[in-house]
């Protein structure tokens, strides 16, 4: 009679089979993820990667109209960057950009946060008011700048007419023609444009804060200030970081408000790096130096994004 004994299955073989199946599942998931990411990656490479490469190669060449019409611009290496960093107008534009960006961010974020906290309360027509607040951000910047330039006109502007009617000034304020006040006038307009964006994102972040946490802190005796400092702000900090980074990048790269209001004047008082690059490319036709200025803006934006990501990672490990 033949024995019914059979050798026990190899435990190592079972483990190997299971690991092989798991590896196949992981490969399949990776392929599915890559398939979903492929269209976005192709779009970024086509519409962002190619222009970035062209800008980099242009900054390394003597790209002037004469050189381009001659067939090819000669390679000059880092000469455009060296000449750019050595110029006084670049240093002045960099300082102006720092003041313009910092002033705009502080004002936009502070007012946007205050409005977001205000809109958390329910009141009649609250949704309609929140929707109307988006209009300044949705309007084209050229139209916004044109309207504000008319309003801030030193002679016929609505703002100066109102100040004269209230007997607060006799001659009017040179909002856009003074070398000392023009920059802050541009900051004012840019703040007005950016407030809806900050309010919308911060309001969305506040909606994600659990109401139970606020109720528990209020029962423990926390007042409005302590409630915001120890409960709301820590939970809102990731959203606030995104808002600040996006606001900084948008303010750095957009010359529209400056160009429409003052054109970079008077006497270069409002010329930011973005406005300087526009002037170099389309007024002086120094395409190589304009591309070098664009590289500086790109590098600053990249550094800001890296600092934000690093701060987010540190916050997760705390």
Protein backbone atom coordinates (compact mmCIF):
# COMPACT_ATOMS: atom_id res chain seq x y z
CA UNK A 1 0.00 0.00 0.00
CA UNK A 2 1.47 3.34 -1.09
CA UNK A 3 2.11 5.86 1.67
CA UNK A 4 -0.03 9.00 1.81
CA UNK A 5 2.86 11.11 3.03
CA UNK A 6 3.79 14.09 0.91
CA UNK A 7 6.71 16.48 1.49
CA UNK A 8 5.75 19.73 3.23
CA UNK A 9 5.62 22.77 0.96
CA UNK A 10 8.73 24.88 0.96
CA UNK A 11 8.09 27.94 3.13
CA UNK A 12 10.76 29.84 1.25
CA UNK A 13 9.07 29.00 -2.04
CA UNK A 14 5.74 30.29 -0.77
CA UNK A 15 7.43 33.51 0.35
CA UNK A 16 9.13 33.89 -2.98
CA UNK A 17 5.83 33.39 -4.82
CA UNK A 18 4.07 35.92 -2.66
CA UNK A 19 6.86 38.49 -3.05
CA UNK A 20 6.83 37.97 -6.80
CA UNK A 21 3.08 38.58 -6.94
CA UNK A 22 3.45 41.66 -4.77
CA UNK A 23 6.21 42.96 -7.03
CA UNK A 24 3.98 42.47 -10.09
CA UNK A 25 1.15 44.35 -8.37
CA UNK A 26 3.52 47.21 -7.50
CA UNK A 27 4.79 47.36 -11.08
CA UNK A 28 1.23 47.45 -12.38
CA UNK A 29 0.33 50.27 -9.97
CA UNK A 30 3.44 52.17 -11.00
CA UNK A 31 2.51 51.82 -14.67
CA UNK A 32 -1.02 53.05 -13.99
CA UNK A 33 0.31 56.05 -12.07
CA UNK A 34 2.79 56.83 -14.85
CA UNK A 35 -0.03 56.64 -17.40
CA UNK A 36 -2.04 59.22 -15.46
CA UNK A 37 1.00 61.49 -15.02
CA UNK A 38 2.18 61.24 -18.63
CA UNK A 39 -0.21 63.89 -20.10
CA UNK A 40 0.67 66.41 -17.37
CA UNK A 41 4.39 65.69 -17.75
CA UNK A 42 4.17 66.10 -21.52
CA UNK A 43 2.33 69.40 -21.10
CA UNK A 44 4.96 70.71 -18.65
CA UNK A 45 7.84 69.65 -20.88
CA UNK A 46 6.26 71.18 -23.98
CA UNK A 47 4.96 74.47 -22.59
CA UNK A 48 7.34 75.03 -19.66
CA UNK A 49 10.45 72.92 -20.20
CA UNK A 50 11.13 74.04 -23.76
CA UNK A 51 10.75 77.79 -23.03
CA UNK A 52 13.02 77.44 -19.99
CA UNK A 53 15.70 75.77 -22.08
CA UNK A 54 15.35 78.44 -24.79
CA UNK A 55 15.64 81.19 -22.17
CA UNK A 56 18.78 79.59 -20.73
CA UNK A 57 20.45 79.21 -24.12
CA UNK A 58 19.49 82.78 -25.07
CA UNK A 59 21.10 84.13 -21.89
CA UNK A 60 24.40 82.54 -22.99
CA UNK A 61 24.42 84.23 -26.39
CA UNK A 62 24.73 87.75 -27.79
CA UNK A 63 21.08 87.76 -28.81
CA UNK A 64 20.50 91.12 -30.46
CA UNK A 65 18.39 91.90 -33.54
CA UNK A 66 21.51 92.35 -35.67
CA UNK A 67 22.94 89.01 -34.54
CA UNK A 68 19.65 87.19 -35.03
CA UNK A 69 19.16 88.67 -38.51
CA UNK A 70 22.69 87.66 -39.37
CA UNK A 71 21.82 84.03 -38.91
CA UNK A 72 22.99 83.10 -35.41
CA UNK A 73 23.88 84.82 -32.16
CA UNK A 74 27.45 84.25 -31.00
CA UNK A 75 28.09 82.34 -27.79
CA UNK A 76 29.27 84.63 -24.98
CA UNK A 77 28.98 82.28 -21.99
CA UNK A 78 28.31 84.04 -18.71
CA UNK A 79 29.09 87.52 -20.03
CA UNK A 80 25.42 88.59 -19.98
CA UNK A 81 25.08 87.54 -16.35
CA UNK A 82 28.33 89.23 -15.33
CA UNK A 83 27.36 92.49 -17.00
CA UNK A 84 23.90 92.27 -15.48
CA UNK A 85 25.13 91.77 -11.91
CA UNK A 86 27.68 94.57 -12.32
CA UNK A 87 25.12 97.12 -13.48
CA UNK A 88 23.69 99.70 -11.11
CA UNK A 89 20.19 99.41 -12.59
CA UNK A 90 20.08 95.70 -11.72
CA UNK A 91 21.00 96.33 -8.09
CA UNK A 92 18.45 99.11 -7.85
CA UNK A 93 15.78 96.97 -9.52
CA UNK A 94 16.57 94.10 -7.14
CA UNK A 95 16.12 96.37 -4.11
CA UNK A 96 12.89 97.75 -5.56
CA UNK A 97 11.65 94.21 -6.22
CA UNK A 98 12.36 93.22 -2.61
CA UNK A 99 10.41 96.20 -1.25
CA UNK A 100 7.59 95.75 -3.74
CA UNK A 101 7.23 92.03 -3.05
CA UNK A 102 7.53 92.28 0.74
CA UNK A 103 5.10 95.19 0.99
CA UNK A 104 2.56 93.50 -1.27
CA UNK A 105 2.76 90.16 0.53
CA UNK A 106 2.41 91.63 4.02
CA UNK A 107 -0.57 93.79 3.06
CA UNK A 108 -2.30 91.14 0.94
CA UNK A 109 -1.89 88.38 3.49
CA UNK A 110 -2.89 90.47 6.52
CA UNK A 111 -6.04 91.90 4.93
CA UNK A 112 -6.88 88.59 3.25
CA UNK A 113 -6.60 86.71 6.56
CA UNK A 114 -8.77 89.28 8.34
CA UNK A 115 -11.43 89.01 5.63
CA UNK A 116 -11.27 85.20 5.67
CA UNK A 117 -11.85 85.20 9.43
CA UNK A 118 -14.71 87.66 8.96
CA UNK A 119 -16.41 85.56 6.28
CA UNK A 120 -16.44 82.52 8.56
CA UNK A 121 -19.41 84.13 10.24
CA UNK A 122 -22.77 83.63 8.63
CA UNK A 123 -24.64 86.76 7.63
CA UNK A 124 -27.17 87.69 4.93
CA UNK A 125 -25.77 87.77 1.39
CA UNK A 126 -22.44 86.43 2.67
CA UNK A 127 -21.95 84.14 -0.33
CA UNK A 128 -22.76 86.94 -2.75
CA UNK A 129 -20.24 89.26 -1.12
CA UNK A 130 -17.55 86.55 -1.24
CA UNK A 131 -18.25 86.02 -4.94
CA UNK A 132 -18.07 89.74 -5.71
CA UNK A 133 -14.72 89.97 -3.93
CA UNK A 134 -13.18 87.80 -6.63
CA UNK A 135 -13.83 90.41 -9.33
CA UNK A 136 -10.61 92.42 -8.77
CA UNK A 137 -8.56 89.23 -9.15
CA UNK A 138 -10.48 88.02 -12.22
CA UNK A 139 -10.20 91.30 -14.12
CA UNK A 140 -7.30 91.66 -16.58
CA UNK A 141 -4.38 93.43 -14.96
CA UNK A 142 -4.16 95.90 -17.83
CA UNK A 143 -7.75 97.00 -17.23
CA UNK A 144 -7.18 97.18 -13.48
CA UNK A 145 -4.01 99.22 -13.89
CA UNK A 146 -5.67 101.61 -16.34
CA UNK A 147 -8.56 102.31 -13.97
CA UNK A 148 -6.23 102.87 -11.03
CA UNK A 149 -3.97 105.13 -13.08
CA UNK A 150 -6.98 107.33 -13.85
CA UNK A 151 -8.08 107.28 -10.20
CA UNK A 152 -4.61 108.25 -8.92
CA UNK A 153 -3.99 110.97 -11.51
CA UNK A 154 -2.51 114.02 -9.80
CA UNK A 155 -4.80 116.52 -11.57
CA UNK A 156 -8.09 114.84 -12.46
CA UNK A 157 -7.98 111.66 -10.40
CA UNK A 158 -10.97 110.70 -8.28
CA UNK A 159 -8.80 110.16 -5.22
CA UNK A 160 -7.29 113.66 -5.30
CA UNK A 161 -10.67 115.21 -6.07
CA UNK A 162 -12.09 113.52 -2.97
CA UNK A 163 -9.15 114.74 -0.87
CA UNK A 164 -9.66 118.30 -2.13
CA UNK A 165 -13.39 118.12 -1.40
CA UNK A 166 -12.59 117.05 2.17
CA UNK A 167 -10.04 119.90 2.43
CA UNK A 168 -7.27 117.40 3.23
CA UNK A 169 -5.00 118.74 0.48
CA UNK A 170 -4.95 121.78 -1.75
CA UNK A 171 -2.72 120.71 -4.64
CA UNK A 172 -3.32 116.97 -4.64
CA UNK A 173 -0.95 114.10 -3.94
CA UNK A 174 1.50 113.01 -6.71
CA UNK A 175 0.68 109.33 -6.30
CA UNK A 176 2.41 108.10 -9.46
CA UNK A 177 4.82 110.93 -10.26
CA UNK A 178 6.77 111.19 -7.01
CA UNK A 179 9.99 109.22 -6.71
CA UNK A 180 9.25 108.63 -3.02
CA UNK A 181 5.58 107.68 -3.18
CA UNK A 182 5.16 105.99 -6.56
CA UNK A 183 6.44 102.62 -5.34
CA UNK A 184 3.97 102.52 -2.45
CA UNK A 185 1.15 103.51 -4.79
CA UNK A 186 2.03 100.53 -6.97
CA UNK A 187 2.13 98.34 -3.84
CA UNK A 188 -1.34 99.63 -2.96
CA UNK A 189 -2.75 98.65 -6.34
CA UNK A 190 -1.06 95.25 -6.31
CA UNK A 191 -2.42 94.66 -2.82
CA UNK A 192 -5.91 95.45 -4.03
CA UNK A 193 -5.48 92.94 -6.85
CA UNK A 194 -4.12 90.18 -4.59
CA UNK A 195 -6.52 90.43 -1.64
CA UNK A 196 -9.25 88.24 -3.23
CA UNK A 197 -6.75 85.48 -4.00
CA UNK A 198 -5.45 85.45 -0.42
CA UNK A 199 -8.96 85.62 1.03
CA UNK A 200 -10.26 82.73 -1.09
CA UNK A 201 -7.40 80.34 -0.25
CA UNK A 202 -7.25 81.26 3.43
CA UNK A 203 -11.03 80.95 3.75
CA UNK A 204 -10.79 77.46 2.24
CA UNK A 205 -8.06 76.59 4.74
CA UNK A 206 -10.19 77.86 7.63
CA UNK A 207 -13.10 75.72 6.47
CA UNK A 208 -10.86 72.65 6.88
CA UNK A 209 -10.22 73.43 10.57
CA UNK A 210 -12.52 71.16 12.66
CA UNK A 211 -15.14 73.13 14.54
CA UNK A 212 -14.92 70.64 17.43
CA UNK A 213 -11.40 71.83 18.17
CA UNK A 214 -12.57 75.43 18.51
CA UNK A 215 -15.50 74.39 20.68
CA UNK A 216 -13.25 72.38 22.99
CA UNK A 217 -10.77 75.24 23.33
CA UNK A 218 -13.59 77.71 24.00
CA UNK A 219 -14.96 75.45 26.75
CA UNK A 220 -11.49 75.43 28.32
CA UNK A 221 -11.64 79.22 28.56
CA UNK A 222 -9.64 80.26 25.49
CA UNK A 223 -10.48 83.76 24.23
CA UNK A 224 -10.49 84.88 20.60
CA UNK A 225 -6.79 85.82 20.59
CA UNK A 226 -5.58 82.61 22.27
CA UNK A 227 -7.98 80.58 20.13
CA UNK A 228 -6.45 82.00 16.97
CA UNK A 229 -2.85 81.76 18.19
CA UNK A 230 -2.88 78.23 19.59
CA UNK A 231 -5.64 76.52 17.57
CA UNK A 232 -6.46 78.25 14.29
CA UNK A 233 -3.02 79.41 13.20
CA UNK A 234 -1.15 76.09 13.69
CA UNK A 235 -3.78 74.30 11.61
CA UNK A 236 -3.82 77.07 9.01
CA UNK A 237 -0.04 77.30 8.68
CA UNK A 238 0.33 74.87 5.70
CA UNK A 239 -2.27 76.82 3.70
CA UNK A 240 -0.65 80.10 4.70
CA UNK A 241 2.72 78.86 3.42
CA UNK A 242 1.24 77.98 0.04
CA UNK A 243 -0.48 81.38 -0.18
CA UNK A 244 2.73 83.25 0.60
CA UNK A 245 4.85 81.27 -1.86
CA UNK A 246 2.32 81.63 -4.68
CA UNK A 247 1.89 85.31 -3.92
CA UNK A 248 5.65 85.89 -3.94
CA UNK A 249 6.17 84.06 -7.23
CA UNK A 250 3.24 85.85 -8.86
CA UNK A 251 4.41 89.26 -7.65
CA UNK A 252 7.99 88.61 -8.79
CA UNK A 253 7.15 87.55 -12.33
CA UNK A 254 4.23 89.86 -13.19
CA UNK A 255 5.25 93.31 -14.50
CA UNK A 256 1.75 94.27 -15.66
CA UNK A 257 0.76 96.51 -12.75
CA UNK A 258 4.08 98.37 -12.77
CA UNK A 259 4.17 98.84 -16.54
CA UNK A 260 0.59 100.11 -16.81
CA UNK A 261 0.76 102.45 -13.79
CA UNK A 262 4.22 103.98 -14.07
CA UNK A 263 6.18 102.16 -16.79
CA UNK A 264 8.95 101.66 -14.23
CA UNK A 265 9.28 105.39 -13.51
CA UNK A 266 9.60 108.02 -12.37
CA UNK A 267 13.39 107.85 -12.77
CA UNK A 268 13.32 104.08 -12.28
CA UNK A 269 11.72 104.32 -8.82
CA UNK A 270 9.24 101.52 -9.57
CA UNK A 271 11.34 99.42 -11.97
CA UNK A 272 11.24 95.84 -10.68
CA UNK A 273 13.27 92.96 -12.13
CA UNK A 274 10.30 91.81 -14.19
CA UNK A 275 9.83 95.33 -15.56
CA UNK A 276 13.57 95.56 -16.21
CA UNK A 277 13.51 92.32 -18.21
CA UNK A 278 10.56 93.64 -20.23
CA UNK A 279 12.41 96.88 -20.92
CA UNK A 280 15.60 95.08 -21.91
CA UNK A 281 13.78 92.80 -24.33
CA UNK A 282 11.18 95.07 -25.94
CA UNK A 283 12.66 98.57 -25.60
CA UNK A 284 16.41 97.99 -25.93
CA UNK A 285 16.23 94.64 -27.80
CA UNK A 286 18.90 93.16 -25.52
CA UNK A 287 17.41 89.68 -25.55
CA UNK A 288 20.44 87.98 -24.00
CA UNK A 289 20.52 90.27 -20.99
CA UNK A 290 16.73 90.09 -20.64
CA UNK A 291 16.99 86.29 -20.56
CA UNK A 292 19.67 86.57 -17.87
CA UNK A 293 17.31 88.72 -15.79
CA UNK A 294 14.61 86.11 -16.31
CA UNK A 295 17.00 83.44 -15.02
CA UNK A 296 17.46 85.43 -11.82
CA UNK A 297 13.69 85.61 -11.30
CA UNK A 298 13.39 81.90 -12.01
CA UNK A 299 16.14 81.08 -9.52
CA UNK A 300 14.54 83.20 -6.78
CA UNK A 301 11.16 81.56 -7.36
CA UNK A 302 12.78 78.11 -7.26
CA UNK A 303 14.54 78.90 -3.98
CA UNK A 304 11.28 80.11 -2.42
CA UNK A 305 9.53 76.90 -3.46
CA UNK A 306 12.34 74.77 -1.98
CA UNK A 307 12.24 76.69 1.30
CA UNK A 308 8.51 76.12 1.50
CA UNK A 309 8.84 72.39 0.84
CA UNK A 310 11.58 72.14 3.46
CA UNK A 311 9.42 73.93 6.02
CA UNK A 312 6.52 71.59 5.27
CA UNK A 313 8.71 68.51 5.77
CA UNK A 314 10.02 69.85 9.07
CA UNK A 315 6.47 70.52 10.27
CA UNK A 316 5.47 66.94 9.47
CA UNK A 317 8.31 65.52 11.55
CA UNK A 318 7.59 67.67 14.60
